[in-house]
Amino acid sequence: MKMIDCHCDTLMALNDARLAGTEKTFERNDLHVDLEKLEKGDYLLQCFAAFVNYAESPVSPLLEVIQEIDVFHQLMALYPDRIAPAYRFADIERNRQSGKISGLLTIEDLGCCFGDLAALRTLHRLGARMMTLTWNYENSLGFPNNPVLADPGIDYPGSGLKPAGIAFVEEMDRLGIIIDVSHLSDAGFFDVAAHSQRPFIASHSNARSLCSHPRNLTDEMLRLLADRGGFVGMNYCLAFLDDNQERLKARGTAEAVVDHIEHIRKVAGLDIIGLGSDFDGIDVTMQLKDASAMGLLVETMERRGFTTTEIEKVCHQNALRIFKELL
């Protein structure tokens, strides 16, 4: 079964290792994602996020993003017969016909641009095609739903996009950048819906009705995504799967992910559901241990009554629809 994963933090992990003097090879390493694991998992495409945790960055945020973008392009150049970049949908199709995995460069937290549209346009020129407006810090564009450094005087879920955030949404539409609302505040989500003229996605979020973590999406949001032709990628982070961690450990992550798939299918339809693992950005994944283990998710969906066509939609077809329309 072909797989498309719309979010991992492997570039950050590789760059951090490089900066620490413990450089890892991408062909085989101890991370959740490497080339051998992607091939074993039968991946069609992996989205690679250039992400910076501002509070822990040893350099300027924009410089670290550029370092991670450089890591991405180096990986693509090192293994050209096995993985190749995708900037347009035609690249995905060409890579597939050549037996190559596609790598799609994304940005997690446009706060690295400090509200400057020139920086946004430059990231696009460097190959990034999908971007979140925030991570877990307030920035020049808007607010997160789950702040790391919370100001008790701010209603984060109720705080929408700032003027620069609206300008970024409009410019992202113009450039053809896919807007990713994962991490964004609830009010920011609805501001994106109001100001973007294109479908948008939540690359790595689950259903808040099943797990109350604020990083997950409400049923209203899920229905709006469906109405707009959008997409939500299932996140394997334990905290986003079940409020009852003991129950989760007893049942396993694959079962919990399928719980979210079933719920979203019921409230918004199957056509918006895909995968957004958050590999290498989360510590514990249990049964879905790394990119090589996706067969377990397929087996779980089969056992719970999903047809082959339905499983294909979740594993890759729904994401392909988004990329065909938006890239």
C-alpha atoms as a PDB file:
ATOM      1  CA  MET A   1       0.000   0.000   0.000  1.00  0.00           C
ATOM      2  CA  LYS A   2       1.522   3.320  -1.075  1.00  0.00           C
ATOM      3  CA  MET A   3       1.936   5.892   1.706  1.00  0.00           C
ATOM      4  CA  ILE A   4       1.992   9.679   1.822  1.00  0.00           C
ATOM      5  CA  ASP A   5       2.943  11.305   5.126  1.00  0.00           C
ATOM      6  CA  CYS A   6       2.253  15.028   5.291  1.00  0.00           C
ATOM      7  CA  HIS A   7       4.452  15.900   8.263  1.00  0.00           C
ATOM      8  CA  CYS A   8       7.729  14.860   9.872  1.00  0.00           C
ATOM      9  CA  ASP A   9      10.478  16.767  11.696  1.00  0.00           C
ATOM     10  CA  THR A  10      13.382  14.710  10.377  1.00  0.00           C
ATOM     11  CA  LEU A  11      15.213  17.708   8.886  1.00  0.00           C
ATOM     12  CA  MET A  12      15.405  19.275  12.341  1.00  0.00           C
ATOM     13  CA  ALA A  13      16.698  16.029  13.859  1.00  0.00           C
ATOM     14  CA  LEU A  14      19.347  15.650  11.156  1.00  0.00           C
ATOM     15  CA  ASN A  15      20.423  19.280  11.435  1.00  0.00           C
ATOM     16  CA  ASP A  16      20.573  19.094  15.241  1.00  0.00           C
ATOM     17  CA  ALA A  17      22.802  16.026  14.967  1.00  0.00           C
ATOM     18  CA  ARG A  18      25.052  17.843  12.501  1.00  0.00           C
ATOM     19  CA  LEU A  19      25.367  20.863  14.794  1.00  0.00           C
ATOM     20  CA  ALA A  20      26.178  18.562  17.725  1.00  0.00           C
ATOM     21  CA  GLY A  21      28.952  16.859  15.764  1.00  0.00           C
ATOM     22  CA  THR A  22      27.084  13.536  15.589  1.00  0.00           C
ATOM     23  CA  GLU A  23      25.978  13.663  11.970  1.00  0.00           C
ATOM     24  CA  LYS A  24      23.566  10.938  10.868  1.00  0.00           C
ATOM     25  CA  THR A  25      23.249   9.382   7.439  1.00  0.00           C
ATOM     26  CA  PHE A  26      19.825   9.602   5.817  1.00  0.00           C
ATOM     27  CA  GLU A  27      20.124   6.174   4.226  1.00  0.00           C
ATOM     28  CA  ARG A  28      20.012   4.442   7.620  1.00  0.00           C
ATOM     29  CA  ASN A  29      19.792   5.996  11.091  1.00  0.00           C
ATOM     30  CA  ASP A  30      18.093   5.673  14.491  1.00  0.00           C
ATOM     31  CA  LEU A  31      15.353   8.219  13.706  1.00  0.00           C
ATOM     32  CA  HIS A  32      11.740   7.480  12.800  1.00  0.00           C
ATOM     33  CA  VAL A  33      12.437   8.372   9.163  1.00  0.00           C
ATOM     34  CA  ASP A  34      15.312   7.326   6.935  1.00  0.00           C
ATOM     35  CA  LEU A  35      15.504   6.199   3.339  1.00  0.00           C
ATOM     36  CA  GLU A  36      15.456   2.480   4.117  1.00  0.00           C
ATOM     37  CA  LYS A  37      12.403   2.862   6.369  1.00  0.00           C
ATOM     38  CA  LEU A  38      10.572   4.887   3.717  1.00  0.00           C
ATOM     39  CA  GLU A  39      11.287   2.201   1.127  1.00  0.00           C
ATOM     40  CA  LYS A  40      10.215  -0.585   3.469  1.00  0.00           C
ATOM     41  CA  GLY A  41       7.009   1.339   4.223  1.00  0.00           C
ATOM     42  CA  ASP A  42       6.299   1.728   0.473  1.00  0.00           C
ATOM     43  CA  TYR A  43       6.190   5.513   0.616  1.00  0.00           C
ATOM     44  CA  LEU A  44       5.095   7.473  -2.401  1.00  0.00           C
ATOM     45  CA  LEU A  45       5.839  10.847  -0.797  1.00  0.00           C
ATOM     46  CA  GLN A  46       7.174  12.234   2.469  1.00  0.00           C
ATOM     47  CA  CYS A  47       6.705  15.864   3.479  1.00  0.00           C
ATOM     48  CA  PHE A  48       9.806  17.184   5.275  1.00  0.00           C
ATOM     49  CA  ALA A  49       9.264  20.196   7.543  1.00  0.00           C
ATOM     50  CA  ALA A  50      11.940  22.790   8.167  1.00  0.00           C
ATOM     51  CA  PHE A  51      11.088  23.602  11.786  1.00  0.00           C
ATOM     52  CA  VAL A  52      12.716  25.678  14.519  1.00  0.00           C
ATOM     53  CA  ASN A  53      11.883  25.761  18.222  1.00  0.00           C
ATOM     54  CA  TYR A  54      12.651  29.425  18.873  1.00  0.00           C
ATOM     55  CA  ALA A  55      13.340  28.928  22.583  1.00  0.00           C
ATOM     56  CA  GLU A  56      15.986  26.286  21.865  1.00  0.00           C
ATOM     57  CA  SER A  57      17.528  27.564  18.629  1.00  0.00           C
ATOM     58  CA  PRO A  58      21.298  28.140  18.943  1.00  0.00           C
ATOM     59  CA  VAL A  59      21.182  30.568  15.998  1.00  0.00           C
ATOM     60  CA  SER A  60      18.609  32.915  14.474  1.00  0.00           C
ATOM     61  CA  PRO A  61      15.331  31.156  13.531  1.00  0.00           C
ATOM     62  CA  LEU A  62      15.545  32.073   9.856  1.00  0.00           C
ATOM     63  CA  LEU A  63      19.150  30.883   9.643  1.00  0.00           C
ATOM     64  CA  GLU A  64      18.214  27.543  11.190  1.00  0.00           C
ATOM     65  CA  VAL A  65      15.338  27.154   8.725  1.00  0.00           C
ATOM     66  CA  ILE A  66      17.802  27.813   5.899  1.00  0.00           C
ATOM     67  CA  GLN A  67      20.150  25.194   7.363  1.00  0.00           C
ATOM     68  CA  GLU A  68      17.339  22.631   7.364  1.00  0.00           C
ATOM     69  CA  ILE A  69      16.355  23.538   3.810  1.00  0.00           C
ATOM     70  CA  ASP A  70      19.983  22.936   2.859  1.00  0.00           C
ATOM     71  CA  VAL A  71      19.811  19.522   4.564  1.00  0.00           C
ATOM     72  CA  PHE A  72      16.732  18.722   2.462  1.00  0.00           C
ATOM     73  CA  HIS A  73      18.431  19.602  -0.810  1.00  0.00           C
ATOM     74  CA  GLN A  74      21.581  17.698   0.173  1.00  0.00           C
ATOM     75  CA  LEU A  75      19.498  14.575   0.865  1.00  0.00           C
ATOM     76  CA  MET A  76      17.805  14.852  -2.508  1.00  0.00           C
ATOM     77  CA  ALA A  77      21.196  15.197  -4.221  1.00  0.00           C
ATOM     78  CA  LEU A  78      22.815  12.288  -2.343  1.00  0.00           C
ATOM     79  CA  TYR A  79      20.254   9.663  -3.379  1.00  0.00           C
ATOM     80  CA  PRO A  80      18.905  10.833  -6.763  1.00  0.00           C
ATOM     81  CA  ASP A  81      17.969   7.321  -7.888  1.00  0.00           C
ATOM     82  CA  ARG A  82      15.831   6.681  -4.787  1.00  0.00           C
ATOM     83  CA  ILE A  83      14.275   9.991  -3.732  1.00  0.00           C
ATOM     84  CA  ALA A  84      13.707  13.267  -5.571  1.00  0.00           C
ATOM     85  CA  PRO A  85      12.128  16.628  -4.734  1.00  0.00           C
ATOM     86  CA  ALA A  86       8.587  17.507  -5.761  1.00  0.00           C
ATOM     87  CA  TYR A  87       7.649  21.124  -6.433  1.00  0.00           C
ATOM     88  CA  ARG A  88       4.623  20.443  -8.644  1.00  0.00           C
ATOM     89  CA  PHE A  89       2.186  17.579  -8.985  1.00  0.00           C
ATOM     90  CA  ALA A  90       3.886  16.579 -12.244  1.00  0.00           C
ATOM     91  CA  ASP A  91       7.080  15.935 -10.263  1.00  0.00           C
ATOM     92  CA  ILE A  92       5.243  13.478  -8.011  1.00  0.00           C
ATOM     93  CA  GLU A  93       3.938  11.595 -11.031  1.00  0.00           C
ATOM     94  CA  ARG A  94       7.331  11.578 -12.744  1.00  0.00           C
ATOM     95  CA  ASN A  95       9.074  10.330  -9.593  1.00  0.00           C
ATOM     96  CA  ARG A  96       6.467   7.617  -9.153  1.00  0.00           C
ATOM     97  CA  GLN A  97       6.930   6.393 -12.717  1.00  0.00           C
ATOM     98  CA  SER A  98      10.695   6.302 -12.127  1.00  0.00           C
ATOM     99  CA  GLY A  99      10.326   4.264  -8.938  1.00  0.00           C
ATOM    100  CA  LYS A 100      11.450   7.131  -6.712  1.00  0.00           C
ATOM    101  CA  ILE A 101      10.002   8.483  -3.485  1.00  0.00           C
ATOM    102  CA  SER A 102       9.050  12.164  -3.628  1.00  0.00           C
ATOM    103  CA  GLY A 103      10.257  14.597  -0.989  1.00  0.00           C
ATOM    104  CA  LEU A 104       8.131  17.710  -0.483  1.00  0.00           C
ATOM    105  CA  LEU A 105       9.680  20.585   1.481  1.00  0.00           C
ATOM    106  CA  THR A 106       7.463  22.357   4.011  1.00  0.00           C
ATOM    107  CA  ILE A 107       7.898  25.053   6.660  1.00  0.00           C
ATOM    108  CA  GLU A 108       6.629  24.686  10.222  1.00  0.00           C
ATOM    109  CA  ASP A 109       6.132  28.150  11.773  1.00  0.00           C
ATOM    110  CA  LEU A 110       6.318  31.138   9.469  1.00  0.00           C
ATOM    111  CA  GLY A 111       7.242  33.204  12.496  1.00  0.00           C
ATOM    112  CA  CYS A 112      10.764  32.690  11.134  1.00  0.00           C
ATOM    113  CA  CYS A 113       9.904  35.369   8.545  1.00  0.00           C
ATOM    114  CA  PHE A 114       9.146  38.006  11.220  1.00  0.00           C
ATOM    115  CA  GLY A 115       6.227  39.290   9.181  1.00  0.00           C
ATOM    116  CA  ASP A 116       8.325  40.014   6.081  1.00  0.00           C
ATOM    117  CA  LEU A 117       6.711  38.918   2.813  1.00  0.00           C
ATOM    118  CA  ALA A 118      10.109  38.973   1.093  1.00  0.00           C
ATOM    119  CA  ALA A 119      11.215  36.156   3.400  1.00  0.00           C
ATOM    120  CA  LEU A 120       8.045  34.196   2.568  1.00  0.00           C
ATOM    121  CA  ARG A 121       8.670  34.581  -1.154  1.00  0.00           C
ATOM    122  CA  THR A 122      12.288  33.511  -0.687  1.00  0.00           C
ATOM    123  CA  LEU A 123      11.265  30.329   1.142  1.00  0.00           C
ATOM    124  CA  HIS A 124       8.977  29.561  -1.783  1.00  0.00           C
ATOM    125  CA  ARG A 125      11.838  30.142  -4.245  1.00  0.00           C
ATOM    126  CA  LEU A 126      13.945  27.705  -2.190  1.00  0.00           C
ATOM    127  CA  GLY A 127      11.342  25.019  -2.831  1.00  0.00           C
ATOM    128  CA  ALA A 128       8.964  25.084   0.147  1.00  0.00           C
ATOM    129  CA  ARG A 129       5.397  24.383  -0.960  1.00  0.00           C
ATOM    130  CA  MET A 130       3.394  23.978   2.275  1.00  0.00           C
ATOM    131  CA  MET A 131       3.653  26.097   5.444  1.00  0.00           C
ATOM    132  CA  THR A 132       2.113  26.526   8.893  1.00  0.00           C
ATOM    133  CA  LEU A 133       1.525  30.049  10.151  1.00  0.00           C
ATOM    134  CA  THR A 134       2.516  29.247  13.749  1.00  0.00           C
ATOM    135  CA  TRP A 135       4.007  26.604  15.974  1.00  0.00           C
ATOM    136  CA  ASN A 136       3.464  26.769  19.753  1.00  0.00           C
ATOM    137  CA  TYR A 137       4.506  30.398  20.223  1.00  0.00           C
ATOM    138  CA  GLU A 138       2.733  33.634  19.440  1.00  0.00           C
ATOM    139  CA  ASN A 139       4.458  35.225  16.470  1.00  0.00           C
ATOM    140  CA  SER A 140       4.080  38.163  14.102  1.00  0.00           C
ATOM    141  CA  LEU A 141       1.278  36.378  12.218  1.00  0.00           C
ATOM    142  CA  GLY A 142      -0.961  34.960  14.910  1.00  0.00           C
ATOM    143  CA  PHE A 143      -1.407  32.734  17.931  1.00  0.00           C
ATOM    144  CA  PRO A 144      -1.125  29.018  18.714  1.00  0.00           C
ATOM    145  CA  ASN A 145      -3.818  26.952  20.384  1.00  0.00           C
ATOM    146  CA  ASN A 146      -1.309  25.223  22.659  1.00  0.00           C
ATOM    147  CA  PRO A 147       1.287  27.826  23.728  1.00  0.00           C
ATOM    148  CA  VAL A 148       4.617  26.747  25.206  1.00  0.00           C
ATOM    149  CA  LEU A 149       5.139  30.121  26.899  1.00  0.00           C
ATOM    150  CA  ALA A 150       1.618  31.232  27.781  1.00  0.00           C
ATOM    151  CA  ASP A 151       0.708  34.776  28.799  1.00  0.00           C
ATOM    152  CA  PRO A 152      -2.205  34.403  31.263  1.00  0.00           C
ATOM    153  CA  GLY A 153      -3.724  37.594  29.885  1.00  0.00           C
ATOM    154  CA  ILE A 154      -4.177  36.159  26.373  1.00  0.00           C
ATOM    155  CA  ASP A 155      -7.096  34.035  25.192  1.00  0.00           C
ATOM    156  CA  TYR A 156      -5.055  31.968  22.755  1.00  0.00           C
ATOM    157  CA  PRO A 157      -7.857  29.926  21.128  1.00  0.00           C
ATOM    158  CA  GLY A 158      -9.923  33.103  20.715  1.00  0.00           C
ATOM    159  CA  SER A 159      -7.106  35.206  19.243  1.00  0.00           C
ATOM    160  CA  GLY A 160      -7.119  35.291  15.454  1.00  0.00           C
ATOM    161  CA  LEU A 161      -4.670  36.265  12.752  1.00  0.00           C
ATOM    162  CA  LYS A 162      -2.801  39.528  13.042  1.00  0.00           C
ATOM    163  CA  PRO A 163      -2.744  41.917  10.059  1.00  0.00           C
ATOM    164  CA  ALA A 164       0.557  40.387   8.906  1.00  0.00           C
ATOM    165  CA  GLY A 165      -1.022  36.940   9.137  1.00  0.00           C
ATOM    166  CA  ILE A 166      -3.830  37.972   6.813  1.00  0.00           C
ATOM    167  CA  ALA A 167      -1.286  39.448   4.395  1.00  0.00           C
ATOM    168  CA  PHE A 168       0.655  36.165   4.484  1.00  0.00           C
ATOM    169  CA  VAL A 169      -2.486  34.137   3.752  1.00  0.00           C
ATOM    170  CA  GLU A 170      -3.232  36.307   0.735  1.00  0.00           C
ATOM    171  CA  GLU A 171       0.347  36.076  -0.544  1.00  0.00           C
ATOM    172  CA  MET A 172       0.451  32.313   0.009  1.00  0.00           C
ATOM    173  CA  ASP A 173      -2.683  32.028  -2.106  1.00  0.00           C
ATOM    174  CA  ARG A 174      -1.055  34.110  -4.833  1.00  0.00           C
ATOM    175  CA  LEU A 175       2.144  32.042  -4.801  1.00  0.00           C
ATOM    176  CA  GLY A 176       0.316  28.717  -4.688  1.00  0.00           C
ATOM    177  CA  ILE A 177       1.650  27.740  -1.251  1.00  0.00           C
ATOM    178  CA  ILE A 178      -0.507  25.234   0.636  1.00  0.00           C
ATOM    179  CA  ILE A 179      -1.693  26.787   3.906  1.00  0.00           C
ATOM    180  CA  ASP A 180      -1.354  24.432   6.876  1.00  0.00           C
ATOM    181  CA  VAL A 181      -3.458  25.318   9.953  1.00  0.00           C
ATOM    182  CA  SER A 182      -2.005  22.728  12.343  1.00  0.00           C
ATOM    183  CA  HIS A 183      -0.860  24.524  15.539  1.00  0.00           C
ATOM    184  CA  LEU A 184      -2.943  27.610  14.702  1.00  0.00           C
ATOM    185  CA  SER A 185      -5.481  28.996  17.182  1.00  0.00           C
ATOM    186  CA  ASP A 186      -9.161  28.204  16.735  1.00  0.00           C
ATOM    187  CA  ALA A 187      -9.896  31.801  15.765  1.00  0.00           C
ATOM    188  CA  GLY A 188      -6.935  31.756  13.391  1.00  0.00           C
ATOM    189  CA  PHE A 189      -8.350  28.658  11.690  1.00  0.00           C
ATOM    190  CA  PHE A 190     -11.568  30.494  10.911  1.00  0.00           C
ATOM    191  CA  ASP A 191      -9.634  33.585   9.793  1.00  0.00           C
ATOM    192  CA  VAL A 192      -7.769  31.438   7.264  1.00  0.00           C
ATOM    193  CA  ALA A 193     -11.115  30.113   6.049  1.00  0.00           C
ATOM    194  CA  ALA A 194     -12.377  33.681   5.681  1.00  0.00           C
ATOM    195  CA  HIS A 195      -9.346  35.086   3.859  1.00  0.00           C
ATOM    196  CA  SER A 196      -7.993  32.196   1.759  1.00  0.00           C
ATOM    197  CA  GLN A 197      -9.625  31.505  -1.579  1.00  0.00           C
ATOM    198  CA  ARG A 198      -8.167  27.980  -1.859  1.00  0.00           C
ATOM    199  CA  PRO A 199      -8.525  24.694   0.010  1.00  0.00           C
ATOM    200  CA  PHE A 200      -6.270  24.502   3.066  1.00  0.00           C
ATOM    201  CA  ILE A 201      -5.091  21.649   5.254  1.00  0.00           C
ATOM    202  CA  ALA A 202      -4.206  20.577   8.792  1.00  0.00           C
ATOM    203  CA  SER A 203      -1.201  18.373   8.110  1.00  0.00           C
ATOM    204  CA  HIS A 204      -0.870  16.750  11.548  1.00  0.00           C
ATOM    205  CA  SER A 205      -3.977  17.067  13.723  1.00  0.00           C
ATOM    206  CA  ASN A 206      -6.690  14.717  15.001  1.00  0.00           C
ATOM    207  CA  ALA A 207     -10.311  14.959  16.202  1.00  0.00           C
ATOM    208  CA  ARG A 208     -10.923  16.948  19.386  1.00  0.00           C
ATOM    209  CA  SER A 209     -14.182  15.093  20.017  1.00  0.00           C
ATOM    210  CA  LEU A 210     -12.138  11.940  20.685  1.00  0.00           C
ATOM    211  CA  CYS A 211      -9.153  13.575  22.400  1.00  0.00           C
ATOM    212  CA  SER A 212      -9.568  17.010  23.958  1.00  0.00           C
ATOM    213  CA  HIS A 213      -6.032  18.253  23.275  1.00  0.00           C
ATOM    214  CA  PRO A 214      -6.277  21.791  21.814  1.00  0.00           C
ATOM    215  CA  ARG A 215      -4.006  20.804  18.915  1.00  0.00           C
ATOM    216  CA  ASN A 216      -6.863  18.704  17.559  1.00  0.00           C
ATOM    217  CA  LEU A 217      -9.752  19.979  15.425  1.00  0.00           C
ATOM    218  CA  THR A 218     -13.377  20.338  16.451  1.00  0.00           C
ATOM    219  CA  ASP A 219     -16.130  18.692  14.437  1.00  0.00           C
ATOM    220  CA  GLU A 220     -17.097  22.148  13.156  1.00  0.00           C
ATOM    221  CA  MET A 221     -13.567  22.653  11.838  1.00  0.00           C
ATOM    222  CA  LEU A 222     -13.523  19.219  10.239  1.00  0.00           C
ATOM    223  CA  ARG A 223     -16.806  19.882   8.461  1.00  0.00           C
ATOM    224  CA  LEU A 224     -15.511  23.254   7.259  1.00  0.00           C
ATOM    225  CA  LEU A 225     -12.356  21.581   5.912  1.00  0.00           C
ATOM    226  CA  ALA A 226     -14.570  19.159   4.020  1.00  0.00           C
ATOM    227  CA  ASP A 227     -16.739  21.978   2.661  1.00  0.00           C
ATOM    228  CA  ARG A 228     -13.597  23.736   1.415  1.00  0.00           C
ATOM    229  CA  GLY A 229     -12.098  20.615  -0.145  1.00  0.00           C
ATOM    230  CA  GLY A 230      -9.344  20.442   2.463  1.00  0.00           C
ATOM    231  CA  PHE A 231      -7.473  17.701   4.266  1.00  0.00           C
ATOM    232  CA  VAL A 232      -6.422  16.557   7.754  1.00  0.00           C
ATOM    233  CA  GLY A 233      -3.433  14.279   8.412  1.00  0.00           C
ATOM    234  CA  MET A 234      -3.636  11.862  11.354  1.00  0.00           C
ATOM    235  CA  ASN A 235      -0.991  12.554  14.007  1.00  0.00           C
ATOM    236  CA  TYR A 236       0.559   9.616  15.917  1.00  0.00           C
ATOM    237  CA  CYS A 237       1.504  11.674  19.007  1.00  0.00           C
ATOM    238  CA  LEU A 238       0.112   9.891  22.077  1.00  0.00           C
ATOM    239  CA  ALA A 239      -1.194  13.103  23.642  1.00  0.00           C
ATOM    240  CA  PHE A 240      -3.302  13.795  20.539  1.00  0.00           C
ATOM    241  CA  LEU A 241      -4.821  10.300  20.342  1.00  0.00           C
ATOM    242  CA  ASP A 242      -6.530   9.638  23.674  1.00  0.00           C
ATOM    243  CA  ASP A 243      -7.104  11.531  26.930  1.00  0.00           C
ATOM    244  CA  ASN A 244      -6.784   8.190  28.736  1.00  0.00           C
ATOM    245  CA  GLN A 245      -3.151   7.202  28.251  1.00  0.00           C
ATOM    246  CA  GLU A 246      -3.510   3.890  30.091  1.00  0.00           C
ATOM    247  CA  ARG A 247      -6.287   2.870  27.716  1.00  0.00           C
ATOM    248  CA  LEU A 248      -4.152   3.973  24.772  1.00  0.00           C
ATOM    249  CA  LYS A 249      -1.210   1.881  25.940  1.00  0.00           C
ATOM    250  CA  ALA A 250      -3.472  -1.142  26.344  1.00  0.00           C
ATOM    251  CA  ARG A 251      -5.080  -0.796  22.899  1.00  0.00           C
ATOM    252  CA  GLY A 252      -2.175   0.589  20.869  1.00  0.00           C
ATOM    253  CA  THR A 253      -1.628   3.588  18.626  1.00  0.00           C
ATOM    254  CA  ALA A 254      -2.856   1.949  15.425  1.00  0.00           C
ATOM    255  CA  GLU A 255      -6.259   1.308  17.010  1.00  0.00           C
ATOM    256  CA  ALA A 256      -6.429   4.892  18.270  1.00  0.00           C
ATOM    257  CA  VAL A 257      -5.505   6.357  14.884  1.00  0.00           C
ATOM    258  CA  VAL A 258      -8.272   4.303  13.280  1.00  0.00           C
ATOM    259  CA  ASP A 259     -10.682   5.580  15.962  1.00  0.00           C
ATOM    260  CA  HIS A 260      -9.971   9.113  14.740  1.00  0.00           C
ATOM    261  CA  ILE A 261     -10.313   8.059  11.104  1.00  0.00           C
ATOM    262  CA  GLU A 262     -13.702   6.503  11.841  1.00  0.00           C
ATOM    263  CA  HIS A 263     -14.914   9.586  13.723  1.00  0.00           C
ATOM    264  CA  ILE A 264     -13.821  12.020  11.021  1.00  0.00           C
ATOM    265  CA  ARG A 265     -15.379   9.827   8.337  1.00  0.00           C
ATOM    266  CA  LYS A 266     -18.660  10.044  10.250  1.00  0.00           C
ATOM    267  CA  VAL A 267     -18.679  13.832  10.753  1.00  0.00           C
ATOM    268  CA  ALA A 268     -16.875  15.107   7.628  1.00  0.00           C
ATOM    269  CA  GLY A 269     -16.401  12.254   5.180  1.00  0.00           C
ATOM    270  CA  LEU A 270     -13.505   9.977   4.296  1.00  0.00           C
ATOM    271  CA  ASP A 271     -12.210  12.176   1.481  1.00  0.00           C
ATOM    272  CA  ILE A 272     -10.486  14.677   3.791  1.00  0.00           C
ATOM    273  CA  ILE A 273      -8.486  12.108   5.805  1.00  0.00           C
ATOM    274  CA  GLY A 274      -4.802  11.304   5.357  1.00  0.00           C
ATOM    275  CA  LEU A 275      -1.639  10.797   7.387  1.00  0.00           C
ATOM    276  CA  GLY A 276       0.612  13.309   9.160  1.00  0.00           C
ATOM    277  CA  SER A 277       2.706  11.216  11.529  1.00  0.00           C
ATOM    278  CA  ASP A 278       4.804  13.932  13.243  1.00  0.00           C
ATOM    279  CA  PHE A 279       7.665  11.429  13.139  1.00  0.00           C
ATOM    280  CA  ASP A 280      10.909  12.724  14.662  1.00  0.00           C
ATOM    281  CA  GLY A 281       8.910  15.476  16.368  1.00  0.00           C
ATOM    282  CA  ILE A 282       7.354  13.101  18.902  1.00  0.00           C
ATOM    283  CA  ASP A 283       9.134  10.874  21.396  1.00  0.00           C
ATOM    284  CA  VAL A 284       6.993   7.748  21.766  1.00  0.00           C
ATOM    285  CA  THR A 285       5.029   6.122  18.961  1.00  0.00           C
ATOM    286  CA  MET A 286       4.437   2.613  20.394  1.00  0.00           C
ATOM    287  CA  GLN A 287       3.270   0.205  17.657  1.00  0.00           C
ATOM    288  CA  LEU A 288       3.584   2.772  14.849  1.00  0.00           C
ATOM    289  CA  LYS A 289       7.253   2.903  15.727  1.00  0.00           C
ATOM    290  CA  ASP A 290       8.639   4.462  12.558  1.00  0.00           C
ATOM    291  CA  ALA A 291       8.054   4.863   8.831  1.00  0.00           C
ATOM    292  CA  SER A 292       8.616   1.157   8.201  1.00  0.00           C
ATOM    293  CA  ALA A 293       5.636   0.116  10.356  1.00  0.00           C
ATOM    294  CA  MET A 294       2.725   1.463   8.316  1.00  0.00           C
ATOM    295  CA  GLY A 295       1.629  -2.028   7.347  1.00  0.00           C
ATOM    296  CA  LEU A 296       0.222  -2.304  10.878  1.00  0.00           C
ATOM    297  CA  LEU A 297      -2.072   0.651  10.235  1.00  0.00           C
ATOM    298  CA  VAL A 298      -3.287  -0.949   6.997  1.00  0.00           C
ATOM    299  CA  GLU A 299      -3.900  -4.265   8.777  1.00  0.00           C
ATOM    300  CA  THR A 300      -5.859  -2.499  11.532  1.00  0.00           C
ATOM    301  CA  MET A 301      -8.059  -0.686   9.015  1.00  0.00           C
ATOM    302  CA  GLU A 302      -8.706  -3.948   7.156  1.00  0.00           C
ATOM    303  CA  ARG A 303      -9.668  -5.724  10.366  1.00  0.00           C
ATOM    304  CA  ARG A 304     -12.064  -2.924  11.249  1.00  0.00           C
ATOM    305  CA  GLY A 305     -13.928  -3.188   7.972  1.00  0.00           C
ATOM    306  CA  PHE A 306     -12.353  -0.614   5.670  1.00  0.00           C
ATOM    307  CA  THR A 307     -12.278  -1.587   2.004  1.00  0.00           C
ATOM    308  CA  THR A 308      -9.119  -1.477  -0.099  1.00  0.00           C
ATOM    309  CA  THR A 309     -10.424   1.634  -1.869  1.00  0.00           C
ATOM    310  CA  GLU A 310     -11.078   3.369   1.460  1.00  0.00           C
ATOM    311  CA  ILE A 311      -7.630   2.471   2.787  1.00  0.00           C
ATOM    312  CA  GLU A 312      -6.001   3.769  -0.394  1.00  0.00           C
ATOM    313  CA  LYS A 313      -7.812   7.080   0.073  1.00  0.00           C
ATOM    314  CA  VAL A 314      -6.457   7.512   3.596  1.00  0.00           C
ATOM    315  CA  CYS A 315      -2.955   6.260   2.828  1.00  0.00           C
ATOM    316  CA  HIS A 316      -2.312   8.295  -0.320  1.00  0.00           C
ATOM    317  CA  GLN A 317      -5.194   9.138  -2.652  1.00  0.00           C
ATOM    318  CA  ASN A 318      -6.674  11.991  -0.605  1.00  0.00           C
ATOM    319  CA  ALA A 319      -3.271  13.640  -0.257  1.00  0.00           C
ATOM    320  CA  LEU A 320      -2.662  13.217  -3.985  1.00  0.00           C
ATOM    321  CA  ARG A 321      -5.943  15.007  -4.660  1.00  0.00           C
ATOM    322  CA  ILE A 322      -4.771  17.971  -2.581  1.00  0.00           C
ATOM    323  CA  PHE A 323      -1.382  18.109  -4.285  1.00  0.00           C
ATOM    324  CA  LYS A 324      -2.914  17.797  -7.738  1.00  0.00           C
ATOM    325  CA  GLU A 325      -5.227  20.719  -7.041  1.00  0.00           C
ATOM    326  CA  LEU A 326      -2.875  22.998  -5.110  1.00  0.00           C
ATOM    327  CA  LEU A 327       0.704  22.452  -6.321  1.00  0.00           C
END
